[in-house]
Amino acid sequence: MTDTTDRPTGGDQNQGRTLQGRPGPGTPPETRGKTTIADGVVAKIAGMAAREVPGIHSLGAGMARALGAVRDRVPGGGASGVTRGVKVEVGERQAALDLDVVVDYGFSIVDVAGDVRVNVISAVERMTGLEVVEVNLVVDDVYLPEEEESEPTESRVT
């Protein structure tokens, strides 16, 4: 988990620095106390932001995707698949993210990767106040629509 206590909201030179909150009637209410953000929260934000990008078919590596798809169909099958394929390292003021993605066929992988980075970084920084130092992507597969349709309906042997 990370502590984002009392981050400045203006454009001053201390932006991004964690300040110590001070109790008492003379301090502004927004600086009293501390806020802690769990790693899972950052992973969910990143997963949602990545899925919003055109050209992203899904997140997660092969086996994790297959198991996750089965788990999603089972009632009470566990946590949602929003964080599947997303790993985060969160410090006091910074975060680094690793994403495993499947890109739709026909999209430029370089362009999709750039769009994912922009969307993930802006969402995480806007919602958490953390500085995202890197977003690493691994393209595990290219989704071909005919792959799902080409499953044989009859056995080849009798």
N, C-alpha and C. Protein backbone atom coordinates (compact mmCIF):
# COMPACT_ATOMS: atom_id res chain seq x y z
N MET A 1 0.84 -1.18 0.00
CA MET A 1 0.00 0.00 0.00
C MET A 1 0.88 1.23 0.00
N THR A 2 0.29 2.30 -0.41
CA THR A 2 1.05 3.54 -0.48
C THR A 2 0.34 4.63 0.29
N ASP A 3 1.10 5.54 0.79
CA ASP A 3 0.58 6.66 1.56
C ASP A 3 0.70 7.90 0.70
N THR A 4 -0.42 8.53 0.42
CA THR A 4 -0.40 9.76 -0.37
C THR A 4 -0.86 10.92 0.48
N THR A 5 -0.30 11.04 1.63
CA THR A 5 -0.72 12.03 2.60
C THR A 5 -0.50 13.44 2.10
N ASP A 6 -1.54 14.21 2.14
CA ASP A 6 -1.46 15.66 1.97
C ASP A 6 -0.64 16.10 0.77
N ARG A 7 -0.98 15.62 -0.38
CA ARG A 7 -0.29 16.06 -1.58
C ARG A 7 -0.73 17.47 -1.94
N PRO A 8 0.21 18.32 -2.33
CA PRO A 8 -0.19 19.66 -2.76
C PRO A 8 -1.01 19.58 -4.02
N THR A 9 -1.98 20.46 -4.16
CA THR A 9 -2.83 20.45 -5.34
C THR A 9 -2.45 21.52 -6.33
N GLY A 10 -1.69 22.49 -5.93
CA GLY A 10 -1.30 23.57 -6.83
C GLY A 10 -0.09 23.20 -7.65
N GLY A 11 0.41 24.14 -8.44
CA GLY A 11 1.55 23.88 -9.29
C GLY A 11 2.85 24.35 -8.67
N ASP A 12 3.00 24.24 -7.35
CA ASP A 12 4.22 24.74 -6.72
C ASP A 12 5.37 23.75 -6.87
N GLN A 13 6.54 24.14 -6.38
CA GLN A 13 7.74 23.33 -6.54
C GLN A 13 7.70 22.04 -5.74
N ASN A 14 6.81 21.91 -4.77
CA ASN A 14 6.74 20.71 -3.95
C ASN A 14 5.76 19.67 -4.49
N GLN A 15 5.19 19.89 -5.67
CA GLN A 15 4.18 18.98 -6.19
C GLN A 15 4.75 17.57 -6.28
N GLY A 16 3.97 16.59 -5.83
CA GLY A 16 4.40 15.22 -5.85
C GLY A 16 5.10 14.79 -4.58
N ARG A 17 5.42 15.70 -3.70
CA ARG A 17 6.09 15.38 -2.46
C ARG A 17 5.04 15.12 -1.38
N THR A 18 5.26 14.10 -0.59
CA THR A 18 4.34 13.79 0.49
C THR A 18 4.63 14.70 1.68
N LEU A 19 3.61 15.39 2.16
CA LEU A 19 3.76 16.29 3.31
C LEU A 19 3.13 15.64 4.53
N GLN A 20 3.66 15.95 5.67
CA GLN A 20 3.12 15.43 6.91
C GLN A 20 1.87 16.22 7.29
N GLY A 21 0.81 15.51 7.57
CA GLY A 21 -0.42 16.16 8.01
C GLY A 21 -0.27 16.63 9.45
N ARG A 22 -0.90 17.73 9.76
CA ARG A 22 -0.83 18.27 11.13
C ARG A 22 -2.24 18.45 11.65
N PRO A 23 -2.48 17.95 12.85
CA PRO A 23 -3.81 18.13 13.44
C PRO A 23 -3.96 19.54 14.01
N GLY A 24 -5.16 19.92 14.23
CA GLY A 24 -5.41 21.19 14.91
C GLY A 24 -6.33 22.09 14.15
N PRO A 25 -6.92 23.02 14.86
CA PRO A 25 -7.90 23.91 14.25
C PRO A 25 -7.28 24.92 13.29
N GLY A 26 -5.98 25.18 13.37
CA GLY A 26 -5.36 26.18 12.50
C GLY A 26 -4.93 25.63 11.15
N THR A 27 -5.05 24.33 10.91
CA THR A 27 -4.61 23.75 9.65
C THR A 27 -5.81 23.48 8.75
N PRO A 28 -5.60 23.56 7.45
CA PRO A 28 -6.71 23.29 6.51
C PRO A 28 -7.21 21.85 6.67
N PRO A 29 -8.50 21.63 6.52
CA PRO A 29 -9.06 20.28 6.71
C PRO A 29 -8.44 19.23 5.79
N GLU A 30 -8.08 19.61 4.56
CA GLU A 30 -7.55 18.62 3.61
C GLU A 30 -6.15 18.11 3.99
N THR A 31 -5.49 18.75 4.97
CA THR A 31 -4.16 18.31 5.39
C THR A 31 -4.18 17.56 6.71
N ARG A 32 -5.35 17.29 7.25
CA ARG A 32 -5.44 16.58 8.52
C ARG A 32 -5.65 15.09 8.26
N GLY A 33 -4.70 14.29 8.66
CA GLY A 33 -4.81 12.84 8.50
C GLY A 33 -4.01 12.35 7.31
N LYS A 34 -4.15 11.05 7.02
CA LYS A 34 -3.42 10.50 5.90
C LYS A 34 -4.31 9.58 5.08
N THR A 35 -3.97 9.43 3.84
CA THR A 35 -4.70 8.58 2.92
C THR A 35 -3.77 7.47 2.45
N THR A 36 -4.23 6.24 2.52
CA THR A 36 -3.45 5.10 2.09
C THR A 36 -4.18 4.43 0.93
N ILE A 37 -3.44 4.18 -0.16
CA ILE A 37 -4.02 3.56 -1.34
C ILE A 37 -3.41 2.16 -1.51
N ALA A 38 -4.25 1.14 -1.54
CA ALA A 38 -3.80 -0.24 -1.69
C ALA A 38 -3.31 -0.49 -3.11
N ASP A 39 -2.35 -1.43 -3.24
CA ASP A 39 -1.82 -1.78 -4.55
C ASP A 39 -2.92 -2.26 -5.49
N GLY A 40 -3.89 -2.99 -4.95
CA GLY A 40 -4.99 -3.49 -5.76
C GLY A 40 -5.82 -2.39 -6.39
N VAL A 41 -5.91 -1.26 -5.71
CA VAL A 41 -6.64 -0.12 -6.26
C VAL A 41 -5.93 0.41 -7.49
N VAL A 42 -4.61 0.54 -7.41
CA VAL A 42 -3.82 1.02 -8.54
C VAL A 42 -3.93 0.03 -9.71
N ALA A 43 -3.91 -1.28 -9.39
CA ALA A 43 -4.03 -2.30 -10.43
C ALA A 43 -5.39 -2.23 -11.13
N LYS A 44 -6.45 -2.01 -10.38
CA LYS A 44 -7.78 -1.89 -10.98
C LYS A 44 -7.88 -0.67 -11.88
N ILE A 45 -7.36 0.45 -11.43
CA ILE A 45 -7.38 1.67 -12.25
C ILE A 45 -6.63 1.43 -13.55
N ALA A 46 -5.44 0.83 -13.45
CA ALA A 46 -4.63 0.57 -14.64
C ALA A 46 -5.32 -0.42 -15.58
N GLY A 47 -5.93 -1.47 -15.02
CA GLY A 47 -6.62 -2.45 -15.86
C GLY A 47 -7.79 -1.84 -16.61
N MET A 48 -8.57 -1.03 -15.93
CA MET A 48 -9.70 -0.36 -16.60
C MET A 48 -9.22 0.60 -17.67
N ALA A 49 -8.18 1.37 -17.36
CA ALA A 49 -7.67 2.35 -18.32
C ALA A 49 -7.09 1.66 -19.55
N ALA A 50 -6.41 0.53 -19.36
CA ALA A 50 -5.84 -0.19 -20.51
C ALA A 50 -6.94 -0.77 -21.40
N ARG A 51 -7.99 -1.29 -20.79
CA ARG A 51 -9.08 -1.89 -21.57
C ARG A 51 -9.87 -0.86 -22.37
N GLU A 52 -9.79 0.42 -22.00
CA GLU A 52 -10.50 1.48 -22.73
C GLU A 52 -9.85 1.80 -24.08
N VAL A 53 -8.61 1.36 -24.29
CA VAL A 53 -7.87 1.73 -25.49
C VAL A 53 -8.31 0.86 -26.67
N PRO A 54 -8.70 1.48 -27.80
CA PRO A 54 -9.04 0.72 -28.99
C PRO A 54 -7.84 -0.13 -29.43
N GLY A 55 -8.11 -1.39 -29.76
CA GLY A 55 -7.05 -2.29 -30.18
C GLY A 55 -6.63 -3.26 -29.10
N ILE A 56 -7.04 -3.01 -27.85
CA ILE A 56 -6.76 -3.96 -26.77
C ILE A 56 -7.91 -4.95 -26.73
N HIS A 57 -7.58 -6.20 -26.97
CA HIS A 57 -8.62 -7.24 -26.92
C HIS A 57 -8.83 -7.72 -25.49
N SER A 58 -7.74 -7.99 -24.78
CA SER A 58 -7.84 -8.42 -23.39
C SER A 58 -6.50 -8.26 -22.71
N LEU A 59 -6.49 -8.49 -21.41
CA LEU A 59 -5.26 -8.45 -20.63
C LEU A 59 -5.02 -9.82 -20.01
N GLY A 60 -3.76 -10.14 -19.81
CA GLY A 60 -3.38 -11.40 -19.18
C GLY A 60 -2.67 -12.31 -20.16
N ALA A 61 -1.74 -13.10 -19.64
CA ALA A 61 -1.02 -14.07 -20.46
C ALA A 61 -1.90 -15.29 -20.68
N GLY A 62 -1.54 -16.13 -21.60
CA GLY A 62 -2.32 -17.28 -22.04
C GLY A 62 -3.05 -18.06 -20.98
N MET A 63 -2.33 -18.74 -20.07
CA MET A 63 -2.97 -19.60 -19.08
C MET A 63 -3.78 -18.77 -18.08
N ALA A 64 -3.28 -17.62 -17.68
CA ALA A 64 -4.02 -16.77 -16.75
C ALA A 64 -5.33 -16.32 -17.37
N ARG A 65 -5.31 -16.02 -18.67
CA ARG A 65 -6.53 -15.61 -19.39
C ARG A 65 -7.53 -16.75 -19.42
N ALA A 66 -7.05 -17.96 -19.72
CA ALA A 66 -7.94 -19.12 -19.81
C ALA A 66 -8.56 -19.43 -18.45
N LEU A 67 -7.74 -19.47 -17.40
CA LEU A 67 -8.26 -19.75 -16.06
C LEU A 67 -9.19 -18.64 -15.60
N GLY A 68 -8.85 -17.41 -15.92
CA GLY A 68 -9.69 -16.28 -15.53
C GLY A 68 -11.04 -16.32 -16.21
N ALA A 69 -11.07 -16.72 -17.48
CA ALA A 69 -12.34 -16.82 -18.21
C ALA A 69 -13.24 -17.87 -17.57
N VAL A 70 -12.66 -19.01 -17.15
CA VAL A 70 -13.44 -20.05 -16.48
C VAL A 70 -13.92 -19.54 -15.13
N ARG A 71 -13.04 -18.88 -14.37
CA ARG A 71 -13.38 -18.37 -13.05
C ARG A 71 -14.50 -17.32 -13.14
N ASP A 72 -14.48 -16.50 -14.20
CA ASP A 72 -15.50 -15.47 -14.36
C ASP A 72 -16.89 -16.07 -14.59
N ARG A 73 -16.94 -17.28 -15.16
CA ARG A 73 -18.23 -17.91 -15.46
C ARG A 73 -18.82 -18.65 -14.27
N VAL A 74 -17.99 -18.95 -13.27
CA VAL A 74 -18.44 -19.68 -12.09
C VAL A 74 -18.98 -18.68 -11.07
N PRO A 75 -20.22 -18.88 -10.59
CA PRO A 75 -20.75 -17.97 -9.57
C PRO A 75 -19.86 -17.99 -8.32
N GLY A 76 -19.52 -16.82 -7.84
CA GLY A 76 -18.65 -16.71 -6.68
C GLY A 76 -17.23 -17.17 -6.96
N GLY A 77 -16.81 -17.08 -8.20
CA GLY A 77 -15.52 -17.60 -8.62
C GLY A 77 -14.33 -16.77 -8.22
N GLY A 78 -14.49 -15.80 -7.40
CA GLY A 78 -13.34 -15.04 -6.92
C GLY A 78 -13.37 -13.61 -7.41
N ALA A 79 -12.21 -12.99 -7.34
CA ALA A 79 -12.08 -11.58 -7.69
C ALA A 79 -12.35 -11.36 -9.17
N SER A 80 -12.74 -10.14 -9.50
CA SER A 80 -13.02 -9.82 -10.90
C SER A 80 -11.74 -9.85 -11.72
N GLY A 81 -11.91 -9.96 -13.01
CA GLY A 81 -10.77 -10.04 -13.91
C GLY A 81 -10.18 -8.70 -14.26
N VAL A 82 -10.59 -7.65 -13.59
CA VAL A 82 -10.10 -6.31 -13.92
C VAL A 82 -8.59 -6.21 -13.75
N THR A 83 -8.05 -6.90 -12.76
CA THR A 83 -6.61 -6.80 -12.50
C THR A 83 -5.81 -7.91 -13.18
N ARG A 84 -6.47 -8.80 -13.91
CA ARG A 84 -5.77 -9.87 -14.62
C ARG A 84 -4.80 -9.25 -15.62
N GLY A 85 -3.55 -9.68 -15.59
CA GLY A 85 -2.55 -9.16 -16.52
C GLY A 85 -1.90 -7.86 -16.07
N VAL A 86 -2.20 -7.42 -14.86
CA VAL A 86 -1.65 -6.16 -14.35
C VAL A 86 -0.86 -6.44 -13.08
N LYS A 87 0.40 -6.01 -13.06
CA LYS A 87 1.22 -6.10 -11.86
C LYS A 87 1.69 -4.69 -11.53
N VAL A 88 1.67 -4.33 -10.26
CA VAL A 88 2.08 -2.99 -9.85
C VAL A 88 3.09 -3.06 -8.73
N GLU A 89 3.98 -2.09 -8.73
CA GLU A 89 4.87 -1.84 -7.60
C GLU A 89 4.59 -0.42 -7.17
N VAL A 90 4.16 -0.25 -5.94
CA VAL A 90 3.78 1.07 -5.45
C VAL A 90 4.67 1.45 -4.29
N GLY A 91 5.28 2.62 -4.40
CA GLY A 91 6.07 3.17 -3.31
C GLY A 91 5.30 4.27 -2.62
N GLU A 92 6.01 5.12 -1.90
CA GLU A 92 5.33 6.22 -1.20
C GLU A 92 4.76 7.25 -2.16
N ARG A 93 5.51 7.55 -3.23
CA ARG A 93 5.07 8.59 -4.16
C ARG A 93 5.07 8.16 -5.60
N GLN A 94 5.52 6.95 -5.90
CA GLN A 94 5.66 6.51 -7.28
C GLN A 94 5.09 5.12 -7.48
N ALA A 95 4.78 4.82 -8.74
CA ALA A 95 4.28 3.49 -9.09
C ALA A 95 4.90 3.07 -10.41
N ALA A 96 5.16 1.78 -10.54
CA ALA A 96 5.61 1.18 -11.80
C ALA A 96 4.64 0.05 -12.11
N LEU A 97 4.29 -0.08 -13.39
CA LEU A 97 3.28 -1.07 -13.77
C LEU A 97 3.78 -1.95 -14.90
N ASP A 98 3.38 -3.22 -14.87
CA ASP A 98 3.64 -4.17 -15.94
C ASP A 98 2.30 -4.73 -16.39
N LEU A 99 2.06 -4.71 -17.70
CA LEU A 99 0.80 -5.20 -18.25
C LEU A 99 1.07 -6.24 -19.32
N ASP A 100 0.32 -7.35 -19.27
CA ASP A 100 0.32 -8.36 -20.33
C ASP A 100 -0.94 -8.14 -21.14
N VAL A 101 -0.79 -7.91 -22.46
CA VAL A 101 -1.94 -7.56 -23.28
C VAL A 101 -2.05 -8.44 -24.52
N VAL A 102 -3.27 -8.51 -25.05
CA VAL A 102 -3.54 -9.12 -26.33
C VAL A 102 -4.11 -8.02 -27.21
N VAL A 103 -3.49 -7.83 -28.38
CA VAL A 103 -3.88 -6.75 -29.29
C VAL A 103 -4.73 -7.33 -30.41
N ASP A 104 -5.78 -6.60 -30.80
CA ASP A 104 -6.61 -7.01 -31.93
C ASP A 104 -5.80 -6.95 -33.22
N TYR A 105 -5.99 -7.94 -34.09
CA TYR A 105 -5.31 -7.95 -35.38
C TYR A 105 -5.70 -6.72 -36.20
N GLY A 106 -4.74 -6.15 -36.87
CA GLY A 106 -4.99 -4.99 -37.72
C GLY A 106 -4.59 -3.67 -37.08
N PHE A 107 -4.39 -3.66 -35.79
CA PHE A 107 -3.96 -2.45 -35.09
C PHE A 107 -2.45 -2.41 -35.02
N SER A 108 -1.89 -1.23 -35.09
CA SER A 108 -0.45 -1.05 -34.93
C SER A 108 -0.10 -1.28 -33.46
N ILE A 109 0.73 -2.28 -33.20
CA ILE A 109 1.11 -2.60 -31.83
C ILE A 109 1.83 -1.43 -31.17
N VAL A 110 2.68 -0.75 -31.93
CA VAL A 110 3.41 0.40 -31.39
C VAL A 110 2.44 1.51 -30.99
N ASP A 111 1.45 1.79 -31.84
CA ASP A 111 0.48 2.84 -31.53
C ASP A 111 -0.41 2.46 -30.34
N VAL A 112 -0.85 1.20 -30.31
CA VAL A 112 -1.69 0.74 -29.20
C VAL A 112 -0.91 0.82 -27.89
N ALA A 113 0.35 0.38 -27.91
CA ALA A 113 1.18 0.44 -26.70
C ALA A 113 1.34 1.87 -26.20
N GLY A 114 1.57 2.79 -27.12
CA GLY A 114 1.68 4.20 -26.74
C GLY A 114 0.40 4.73 -26.15
N ASP A 115 -0.74 4.37 -26.76
CA ASP A 115 -2.04 4.82 -26.26
C ASP A 115 -2.33 4.23 -24.88
N VAL A 116 -1.95 2.96 -24.67
CA VAL A 116 -2.15 2.33 -23.36
C VAL A 116 -1.33 3.08 -22.31
N ARG A 117 -0.08 3.37 -22.62
CA ARG A 117 0.76 4.09 -21.66
C ARG A 117 0.16 5.44 -21.29
N VAL A 118 -0.27 6.19 -22.29
CA VAL A 118 -0.86 7.51 -22.04
C VAL A 118 -2.11 7.38 -21.17
N ASN A 119 -2.99 6.45 -21.51
CA ASN A 119 -4.25 6.31 -20.78
C ASN A 119 -4.02 5.81 -19.34
N VAL A 120 -3.13 4.83 -19.18
CA VAL A 120 -2.87 4.28 -17.85
C VAL A 120 -2.20 5.33 -16.97
N ILE A 121 -1.18 5.99 -17.50
CA ILE A 121 -0.46 7.00 -16.71
C ILE A 121 -1.39 8.12 -16.29
N SER A 122 -2.19 8.63 -17.22
CA SER A 122 -3.07 9.74 -16.87
C SER A 122 -4.12 9.32 -15.85
N ALA A 123 -4.68 8.12 -15.98
CA ALA A 123 -5.71 7.66 -15.04
C ALA A 123 -5.12 7.44 -13.64
N VAL A 124 -3.99 6.75 -13.56
CA VAL A 124 -3.39 6.47 -12.25
C VAL A 124 -2.94 7.76 -11.58
N GLU A 125 -2.28 8.63 -12.32
CA GLU A 125 -1.80 9.88 -11.71
C GLU A 125 -2.96 10.77 -11.29
N ARG A 126 -4.00 10.85 -12.12
CA ARG A 126 -5.14 11.70 -11.80
C ARG A 126 -5.90 11.18 -10.59
N MET A 127 -6.09 9.86 -10.50
CA MET A 127 -6.92 9.30 -9.45
C MET A 127 -6.18 9.07 -8.13
N THR A 128 -4.86 8.88 -8.19
CA THR A 128 -4.13 8.55 -6.97
C THR A 128 -3.15 9.62 -6.52
N GLY A 129 -2.71 10.47 -7.43
CA GLY A 129 -1.68 11.45 -7.10
C GLY A 129 -0.28 10.88 -7.13
N LEU A 130 -0.15 9.58 -7.45
CA LEU A 130 1.17 8.97 -7.56
C LEU A 130 1.81 9.34 -8.89
N GLU A 131 3.14 9.40 -8.91
CA GLU A 131 3.87 9.59 -10.16
C GLU A 131 4.13 8.21 -10.75
N VAL A 132 3.68 7.98 -11.99
CA VAL A 132 3.93 6.71 -12.66
C VAL A 132 5.27 6.83 -13.37
N VAL A 133 6.25 6.03 -12.94
CA VAL A 133 7.60 6.12 -13.50
C VAL A 133 7.76 5.28 -14.75
N GLU A 134 6.99 4.19 -14.88
CA GLU A 134 7.05 3.40 -16.11
C GLU A 134 5.84 2.49 -16.22
N VAL A 135 5.48 2.22 -17.48
CA VAL A 135 4.43 1.25 -17.80
C VAL A 135 5.04 0.33 -18.85
N ASN A 136 5.34 -0.90 -18.44
CA ASN A 136 5.93 -1.88 -19.35
C ASN A 136 4.83 -2.79 -19.88
N LEU A 137 4.83 -3.00 -21.20
CA LEU A 137 3.84 -3.86 -21.82
C LEU A 137 4.50 -5.07 -22.44
N VAL A 138 3.86 -6.21 -22.28
CA VAL A 138 4.24 -7.43 -22.99
C VAL A 138 3.05 -7.81 -23.84
N VAL A 139 3.24 -7.84 -25.15
CA VAL A 139 2.18 -8.25 -26.05
C VAL A 139 2.28 -9.77 -26.17
N ASP A 140 1.34 -10.48 -25.55
CA ASP A 140 1.37 -11.94 -25.49
C ASP A 140 0.76 -12.60 -26.72
N ASP A 141 -0.14 -11.87 -27.41
CA ASP A 141 -0.84 -12.50 -28.51
C ASP A 141 -1.48 -11.42 -29.37
N VAL A 142 -1.86 -11.83 -30.57
CA VAL A 142 -2.67 -11.00 -31.46
C VAL A 142 -3.97 -11.75 -31.65
N TYR A 143 -5.08 -11.08 -31.36
CA TYR A 143 -6.39 -11.73 -31.46
C TYR A 143 -6.86 -11.73 -32.90
N LEU A 144 -7.18 -12.92 -33.39
CA LEU A 144 -7.76 -13.09 -34.72
C LEU A 144 -9.20 -13.55 -34.53
N PRO A 145 -10.16 -12.79 -35.06
CA PRO A 145 -11.58 -13.15 -34.83
C PRO A 145 -11.92 -14.56 -35.30
N GLU A 146 -11.29 -15.03 -36.35
CA GLU A 146 -11.63 -16.36 -36.86
C GLU A 146 -11.09 -17.49 -35.98
N GLU A 147 -10.22 -17.20 -35.01
CA GLU A 147 -9.70 -18.24 -34.12
C GLU A 147 -10.82 -18.87 -33.29
N GLU A 148 -11.76 -18.09 -32.84
CA GLU A 148 -12.87 -18.62 -32.05
C GLU A 148 -13.87 -19.35 -32.92
N GLU A 149 -14.06 -18.89 -34.16
CA GLU A 149 -15.05 -19.47 -35.05
C GLU A 149 -14.56 -20.75 -35.70
N SER A 150 -13.25 -20.98 -35.76
CA SER A 150 -12.72 -22.11 -36.51
C SER A 150 -12.64 -23.40 -35.71
N GLU A 151 -13.28 -23.46 -34.55
CA GLU A 151 -13.28 -24.68 -33.77
C GLU A 151 -14.06 -25.75 -34.53
N PRO A 152 -13.50 -26.95 -34.66
CA PRO A 152 -14.19 -28.00 -35.40
C PRO A 152 -15.46 -28.42 -34.68
N THR A 153 -16.51 -28.63 -35.46
CA THR A 153 -17.79 -29.04 -34.89
C THR A 153 -17.93 -30.55 -34.88
N GLU A 154 -17.20 -31.24 -35.75
CA GLU A 154 -17.28 -32.68 -35.80
C GLU A 154 -15.88 -33.25 -35.58
N SER A 155 -15.85 -34.47 -35.08
CA SER A 155 -14.58 -35.15 -34.89
C SER A 155 -14.05 -35.59 -36.24
N ARG A 156 -12.73 -35.54 -36.41
CA ARG A 156 -12.12 -35.97 -37.68
C ARG A 156 -12.01 -37.48 -37.76
N VAL A 157 -12.06 -38.13 -36.63
CA VAL A 157 -11.95 -39.60 -36.63
C VAL A 157 -13.22 -40.19 -36.05
N THR A 158 -13.54 -41.38 -36.49
CA THR A 158 -14.73 -42.06 -35.96
C THR A 158 -14.37 -43.32 -35.26
